[in-house]
Amino acid sequence: MNSSTIEITENEYCIKLSKDTFDLSLVRQLIKRIQAEELFFSRKRMDDDEDLLSRNDASYEENFDRLCDK
């Protein structure tokens, strides 16, 4: 018995699940989990791009006194 299939194309993922085997509430939980992980990883990539080592922000340097300014 084939209870599920997955089809992957260049633009889409198509997952077919048997109603007899998979409850709708489980499918909804899976979709929420996928969306949550997608959001987490997209935020993690943004945070990595904005970490202190990769910043080249002149305003950050203006917060410190310099001896030559005195």
PDB file of N, CA and C in Angstrom:
ATOM      1  N   MET A   1       0.844  -1.186   0.000  1.00  0.00           N
ATOM      2  CA  MET A   1       0.000   0.000   0.000  1.00  0.00           C
ATOM      3  C   MET A   1       0.887   1.246   0.000  1.00  0.00           C
ATOM      4  N   ASN A   2       0.604   2.160  -0.897  1.00  0.00           N
ATOM      5  CA  ASN A   2       1.366   3.394  -1.019  1.00  0.00           C
ATOM      6  C   ASN A   2       0.607   4.500  -0.281  1.00  0.00           C
ATOM      7  N   SER A   3       1.081   4.865   0.925  1.00  0.00           N
ATOM      8  CA  SER A   3       0.345   5.837   1.729  1.00  0.00           C
ATOM      9  C   SER A   3       0.817   7.271   1.508  1.00  0.00           C
ATOM     10  N   SER A   4       1.973   7.450   0.882  1.00  0.00           N
ATOM     11  CA  SER A   4       2.441   8.805   0.623  1.00  0.00           C
ATOM     12  C   SER A   4       3.380   8.808  -0.573  1.00  0.00           C
ATOM     13  N   THR A   5       3.416   9.959  -1.251  1.00  0.00           N
ATOM     14  CA  THR A   5       4.342  10.146  -2.369  1.00  0.00           C
ATOM     15  C   THR A   5       4.887  11.563  -2.297  1.00  0.00           C
ATOM     16  N   ILE A   6       6.054  11.748  -2.858  1.00  0.00           N
ATOM     17  CA  ILE A   6       6.640  13.080  -2.945  1.00  0.00           C
ATOM     18  C   ILE A   6       7.148  13.280  -4.363  1.00  0.00           C
ATOM     19  N   GLU A   7       6.849  14.441  -4.912  1.00  0.00           N
ATOM     20  CA  GLU A   7       7.299  14.784  -6.262  1.00  0.00           C
ATOM     21  C   GLU A   7       8.065  16.095  -6.160  1.00  0.00           C
ATOM     22  N   ILE A   8       9.290  16.092  -6.624  1.00  0.00           N
ATOM     23  CA  ILE A   8      10.129  17.284  -6.576  1.00  0.00           C
ATOM     24  C   ILE A   8      10.421  17.713  -8.003  1.00  0.00           C
ATOM     25  N   THR A   9      10.018  18.940  -8.314  1.00  0.00           N
ATOM     26  CA  THR A   9      10.305  19.498  -9.629  1.00  0.00           C
ATOM     27  C   THR A   9      11.229  20.699  -9.440  1.00  0.00           C
ATOM     28  N   GLU A  10      11.532  21.361 -10.513  1.00  0.00           N
ATOM     29  CA  GLU A  10      12.428  22.515 -10.446  1.00  0.00           C
ATOM     30  C   GLU A  10      11.857  23.636  -9.587  1.00  0.00           C
ATOM     31  N   ASN A  11      10.530  23.776  -9.565  1.00  0.00           N
ATOM     32  CA  ASN A  11       9.892  24.892  -8.861  1.00  0.00           C
ATOM     33  C   ASN A  11       9.012  24.490  -7.693  1.00  0.00           C
ATOM     34  N   GLU A  12       8.728  23.192  -7.504  1.00  0.00           N
ATOM     35  CA  GLU A  12       7.741  22.796  -6.507  1.00  0.00           C
ATOM     36  C   GLU A  12       8.124  21.504  -5.799  1.00  0.00           C
ATOM     37  N   TYR A  13       7.585  21.381  -4.570  1.00  0.00           N
ATOM     38  CA  TYR A  13       7.576  20.117  -3.850  1.00  0.00           C
ATOM     39  C   TYR A  13       6.112  19.731  -3.718  1.00  0.00           C
ATOM     40  N   CYS A  14       5.759  18.540  -4.114  1.00  0.00           N
ATOM     41  CA  CYS A  14       4.383  18.076  -3.995  1.00  0.00           C
ATOM     42  C   CYS A  14       4.382  16.801  -3.141  1.00  0.00           C
ATOM     43  N   ILE A  15       3.726  16.873  -2.008  1.00  0.00           N
ATOM     44  CA  ILE A  15       3.647  15.732  -1.102  1.00  0.00           C
ATOM     45  C   ILE A  15       2.189  15.289  -1.046  1.00  0.00           C
ATOM     46  N   LYS A  16       1.946  14.032  -1.337  1.00  0.00           N
ATOM     47  CA  LYS A  16       0.598  13.480  -1.274  1.00  0.00           C
ATOM     48  C   LYS A  16       0.566  12.444  -0.159  1.00  0.00           C
ATOM     49  N   LEU A  17      -0.406  12.630   0.754  1.00  0.00           N
ATOM     50  CA  LEU A  17      -0.551  11.745   1.901  1.00  0.00           C
ATOM     51  C   LEU A  17      -1.942  11.122   1.896  1.00  0.00           C
ATOM     52  N   SER A  18      -2.009   9.875   2.264  1.00  0.00           N
ATOM     53  CA  SER A  18      -3.289   9.173   2.324  1.00  0.00           C
ATOM     54  C   SER A  18      -4.093   9.665   3.528  1.00  0.00           C
ATOM     55  N   LYS A  19      -5.375   9.977   3.319  1.00  0.00           N
ATOM     56  CA  LYS A  19      -6.242  10.404   4.418  1.00  0.00           C
ATOM     57  C   LYS A  19      -6.427   9.296   5.445  1.00  0.00           C
ATOM     58  N   ASP A  20      -6.361   8.064   4.979  1.00  0.00           N
ATOM     59  CA  ASP A  20      -6.539   6.937   5.898  1.00  0.00           C
ATOM     60  C   ASP A  20      -5.371   6.818   6.881  1.00  0.00           C
ATOM     61  N   THR A  21      -4.206   7.244   6.464  1.00  0.00           N
ATOM     62  CA  THR A  21      -3.010   7.074   7.277  1.00  0.00           C
ATOM     63  C   THR A  21      -2.648   8.337   8.048  1.00  0.00           C
ATOM     64  N   PHE A  22      -2.866   9.508   7.453  1.00  0.00           N
ATOM     65  CA  PHE A  22      -2.428  10.767   8.052  1.00  0.00           C
ATOM     66  C   PHE A  22      -3.627  11.618   8.430  1.00  0.00           C
ATOM     67  N   ASP A  23      -3.665  12.051   9.681  1.00  0.00           N
ATOM     68  CA  ASP A  23      -4.716  12.913  10.206  1.00  0.00           C
ATOM     69  C   ASP A  23      -4.447  14.353   9.767  1.00  0.00           C
ATOM     70  N   LEU A  24      -5.480  15.111   9.516  1.00  0.00           N
ATOM     71  CA  LEU A  24      -5.341  16.498   9.068  1.00  0.00           C
ATOM     72  C   LEU A  24      -4.611  17.355  10.102  1.00  0.00           C
ATOM     73  N   SER A  25      -4.840  17.099  11.374  1.00  0.00           N
ATOM     74  CA  SER A  25      -4.149  17.880  12.407  1.00  0.00           C
ATOM     75  C   SER A  25      -2.640  17.639  12.358  1.00  0.00           C
ATOM     76  N   LEU A  26      -2.220  16.418  12.032  1.00  0.00           N
ATOM     77  CA  LEU A  26      -0.797  16.123  11.886  1.00  0.00           C
ATOM     78  C   LEU A  26      -0.207  16.880  10.702  1.00  0.00           C
ATOM     79  N   VAL A  27      -0.934  16.930   9.621  1.00  0.00           N
ATOM     80  CA  VAL A  27      -0.474  17.659   8.432  1.00  0.00           C
ATOM     81  C   VAL A  27      -0.317  19.145   8.757  1.00  0.00           C
ATOM     82  N   ARG A  28      -1.262  19.707   9.475  1.00  0.00           N
ATOM     83  CA  ARG A  28      -1.171  21.118   9.872  1.00  0.00           C
ATOM     84  C   ARG A  28       0.034  21.357  10.777  1.00  0.00           C
ATOM     85  N   GLN A  29       0.288  20.450  11.700  1.00  0.00           N
ATOM     86  CA  GLN A  29       1.459  20.575  12.581  1.00  0.00           C
ATOM     87  C   GLN A  29       2.750  20.529  11.772  1.00  0.00           C
ATOM     88  N   LEU A  30       2.812  19.653  10.793  1.00  0.00           N
ATOM     89  CA  LEU A  30       4.006  19.556   9.956  1.00  0.00           C
ATOM     90  C   LEU A  30       4.240  20.844   9.171  1.00  0.00           C
ATOM     91  N   ILE A  31       3.170  21.403   8.628  1.00  0.00           N
ATOM     92  CA  ILE A  31       3.296  22.644   7.867  1.00  0.00           C
ATOM     93  C   ILE A  31       3.766  23.779   8.774  1.00  0.00           C
ATOM     94  N   LYS A  32       3.206  23.885   9.975  1.00  0.00           N
ATOM     95  CA  LYS A  32       3.636  24.923  10.914  1.00  0.00           C
ATOM     96  C   LYS A  32       5.103  24.743  11.285  1.00  0.00           C
ATOM     97  N   ARG A  33       5.512  23.512  11.477  1.00  0.00           N
ATOM     98  CA  ARG A  33       6.918  23.240  11.840  1.00  0.00           C
ATOM     99  C   ARG A  33       7.862  23.639  10.709  1.00  0.00           C
ATOM    100  N   ILE A  34       7.488  23.312   9.487  1.00  0.00           N
ATOM    101  CA  ILE A  34       8.312  23.678   8.326  1.00  0.00           C
ATOM    102  C   ILE A  34       8.410  25.196   8.217  1.00  0.00           C
ATOM    103  N   GLN A  35       7.296  25.888   8.385  1.00  0.00           N
ATOM    104  CA  GLN A  35       7.299  27.341   8.295  1.00  0.00           C
ATOM    105  C   GLN A  35       8.124  27.960   9.417  1.00  0.00           C
ATOM    106  N   ALA A  36       8.033  27.414  10.612  1.00  0.00           N
ATOM    107  CA  ALA A  36       8.797  27.942  11.740  1.00  0.00           C
ATOM    108  C   ALA A  36      10.296  27.752  11.515  1.00  0.00           C
ATOM    109  N   GLU A  37      10.686  26.593  11.015  1.00  0.00           N
ATOM    110  CA  GLU A  37      12.102  26.353  10.754  1.00  0.00           C
ATOM    111  C   GLU A  37      12.613  27.244   9.629  1.00  0.00           C
ATOM    112  N   GLU A  38      11.790  27.464   8.623  1.00  0.00           N
ATOM    113  CA  GLU A  38      12.180  28.348   7.526  1.00  0.00           C
ATOM    114  C   GLU A  38      12.422  29.761   8.052  1.00  0.00           C
ATOM    115  N   LEU A  39      11.536  30.242   8.918  1.00  0.00           N
ATOM    116  CA  LEU A  39      11.688  31.565   9.505  1.00  0.00           C
ATOM    117  C   LEU A  39      12.935  31.623  10.381  1.00  0.00           C
ATOM    118  N   PHE A  40      13.174  30.572  11.177  1.00  0.00           N
ATOM    119  CA  PHE A  40      14.353  30.530  12.049  1.00  0.00           C
ATOM    120  C   PHE A  40      15.631  30.615  11.237  1.00  0.00           C
ATOM    121  N   PHE A  41      15.736  29.811  10.176  1.00  0.00           N
ATOM    122  CA  PHE A  41      16.966  29.795   9.405  1.00  0.00           C
ATOM    123  C   PHE A  41      17.155  31.070   8.591  1.00  0.00           C
ATOM    124  N   SER A  42      16.073  31.703   8.147  1.00  0.00           N
ATOM    125  CA  SER A  42      16.231  32.969   7.427  1.00  0.00           C
ATOM    126  C   SER A  42      16.697  34.062   8.386  1.00  0.00           C
ATOM    127  N   ARG A  43      16.215  34.050   9.635  1.00  0.00           N
ATOM    128  CA  ARG A  43      16.684  35.021  10.626  1.00  0.00           C
ATOM    129  C   ARG A  43      18.128  34.747  10.997  1.00  0.00           C
ATOM    130  N   LYS A  44      18.503  33.494  11.103  1.00  0.00           N
ATOM    131  CA  LYS A  44      19.878  33.149  11.456  1.00  0.00           C
ATOM    132  C   LYS A  44      20.843  33.652  10.383  1.00  0.00           C
ATOM    133  N   ARG A  45      20.474  33.531   9.120  1.00  0.00           N
ATOM    134  CA  ARG A  45      21.323  34.046   8.046  1.00  0.00           C
ATOM    135  C   ARG A  45      21.450  35.562   8.151  1.00  0.00           C
ATOM    136  N   MET A  46      20.357  36.259   8.469  1.00  0.00           N
ATOM    137  CA  MET A  46      20.405  37.710   8.609  1.00  0.00           C
ATOM    138  C   MET A  46      21.286  38.090   9.791  1.00  0.00           C
ATOM    139  N   ASP A  47      21.178  37.371  10.909  1.00  0.00           N
ATOM    140  CA  ASP A  47      21.995  37.663  12.082  1.00  0.00           C
ATOM    141  C   ASP A  47      23.467  37.437  11.782  1.00  0.00           C
ATOM    142  N   ASP A  48      23.788  36.398  11.034  1.00  0.00           N
ATOM    143  CA  ASP A  48      25.175  36.131  10.677  1.00  0.00           C
ATOM    144  C   ASP A  48      25.747  37.267   9.830  1.00  0.00           C
ATOM    145  N   ASP A  49      24.928  37.833   8.975  1.00  0.00           N
ATOM    146  CA  ASP A  49      25.382  38.931   8.131  1.00  0.00           C
ATOM    147  C   ASP A  49      25.597  40.208   8.926  1.00  0.00           C
ATOM    148  N   GLU A  50      24.940  40.317  10.074  1.00  0.00           N
ATOM    149  CA  GLU A  50      24.995  41.548  10.845  1.00  0.00           C
ATOM    150  C   GLU A  50      25.796  41.399  12.135  1.00  0.00           C
ATOM    151  N   ASP A  51      26.618  40.387  12.252  1.00  0.00           N
ATOM    152  CA  ASP A  51      27.388  40.226  13.484  1.00  0.00           C
ATOM    153  C   ASP A  51      28.460  41.310  13.593  1.00  0.00           C
ATOM    154  N   LEU A  52      29.019  41.459  14.764  1.00  0.00           N
ATOM    155  CA  LEU A  52      29.960  42.557  15.019  1.00  0.00           C
ATOM    156  C   LEU A  52      31.197  42.489  14.146  1.00  0.00           C
ATOM    157  N   LEU A  53      31.678  41.296  13.850  1.00  0.00           N
ATOM    158  CA  LEU A  53      32.894  41.186  13.066  1.00  0.00           C
ATOM    159  C   LEU A  53      32.697  41.618  11.618  1.00  0.00           C
ATOM    160  N   SER A  54      31.504  41.437  11.093  1.00  0.00           N
ATOM    161  CA  SER A  54      31.283  41.781   9.688  1.00  0.00           C
ATOM    162  C   SER A  54      30.809  43.218   9.506  1.00  0.00           C
ATOM    163  N   ARG A  55      30.518  43.916  10.591  1.00  0.00           N
ATOM    164  CA  ARG A  55      30.048  45.298  10.473  1.00  0.00           C
ATOM    165  C   ARG A  55      31.212  46.236  10.208  1.00  0.00           C
ATOM    166  N   ASN A  56      30.969  47.163   9.344  1.00  0.00           N
ATOM    167  CA  ASN A  56      31.954  48.215   9.109  1.00  0.00           C
ATOM    168  C   ASN A  56      31.210  49.529   9.268  1.00  0.00           C
ATOM    169  N   ASP A  57      30.849  49.831  10.502  1.00  0.00           N
ATOM    170  CA  ASP A  57      29.962  50.955  10.794  1.00  0.00           C
ATOM    171  C   ASP A  57      30.765  52.081  11.431  1.00  0.00           C
ATOM    172  N   ALA A  58      30.793  53.240  10.805  1.00  0.00           N
ATOM    173  CA  ALA A  58      31.565  54.368  11.311  1.00  0.00           C
ATOM    174  C   ALA A  58      30.973  54.910  12.611  1.00  0.00           C
ATOM    175  N   SER A  59      29.678  54.831  12.798  1.00  0.00           N
ATOM    176  CA  SER A  59      29.059  55.354  14.015  1.00  0.00           C
ATOM    177  C   SER A  59      29.495  54.556  15.236  1.00  0.00           C
ATOM    178  N   TYR A  60      29.835  53.306  15.056  1.00  0.00           N
ATOM    179  CA  TYR A  60      30.326  52.485  16.155  1.00  0.00           C
ATOM    180  C   TYR A  60      31.641  53.042  16.675  1.00  0.00           C
ATOM    181  N   GLU A  61      32.492  53.512  15.799  1.00  0.00           N
ATOM    182  CA  GLU A  61      33.790  54.044  16.190  1.00  0.00           C
ATOM    183  C   GLU A  61      33.666  55.413  16.851  1.00  0.00           C
ATOM    184  N   GLU A  62      32.595  56.143  16.600  1.00  0.00           N
ATOM    185  CA  GLU A  62      32.424  57.479  17.149  1.00  0.00           C
ATOM    186  C   GLU A  62      32.105  57.459  18.634  1.00  0.00           C
ATOM    187  N   ASN A  63      31.820  56.330  19.196  1.00  0.00           N
ATOM    188  CA  ASN A  63      31.451  56.239  20.610  1.00  0.00           C
ATOM    189  C   ASN A  63      32.683  56.242  21.530  1.00  0.00           C
ATOM    190  N   PHE A  64      33.872  56.218  20.981  1.00  0.00           N
ATOM    191  CA  PHE A  64      35.078  56.132  21.780  1.00  0.00           C
ATOM    192  C   PHE A  64      35.879  57.441  21.680  1.00  0.00           C
ATOM    193  N   ASP A  65      36.444  57.838  22.816  1.00  0.00           N
ATOM    194  CA  ASP A  65      37.323  59.011  22.822  1.00  0.00           C
ATOM    195  C   ASP A  65      38.679  58.627  22.253  1.00  0.00           C
ATOM    196  N   ARG A  66      39.301  59.588  21.634  1.00  0.00           N
ATOM    197  CA  ARG A  66      40.645  59.384  21.102  1.00  0.00           C
ATOM    198  C   ARG A  66      41.571  60.396  21.744  1.00  0.00           C
ATOM    199  N   LEU A  67      42.798  60.014  21.998  1.00  0.00           N
ATOM    200  CA  LEU A  67      43.768  60.923  22.593  1.00  0.00           C
ATOM    201  C   LEU A  67      44.020  62.133  21.707  1.00  0.00           C
ATOM    202  N   CYS A  68      44.005  61.956  20.417  1.00  0.00           N
ATOM    203  CA  CYS A  68      44.266  63.072  19.504  1.00  0.00           C
ATOM    204  C   CYS A  68      43.150  64.112  19.530  1.00  0.00           C
ATOM    205  N   ASP A  69      41.959  63.749  20.023  1.00  0.00           N
ATOM    206  CA  ASP A  69      40.847  64.691  20.128  1.00  0.00           C
ATOM    207  C   ASP A  69      40.978  65.610  21.321  1.00  0.00           C
ATOM    208  N   LYS A  70      41.834  65.275  22.271  1.00  0.00           N
ATOM    209  CA  LYS A  70      41.949  66.055  23.516  1.00  0.00           C
ATOM    210  C   LYS A  70      43.007  67.112  23.428  1.00  0.00           C
TER     211      LYS A  70
END
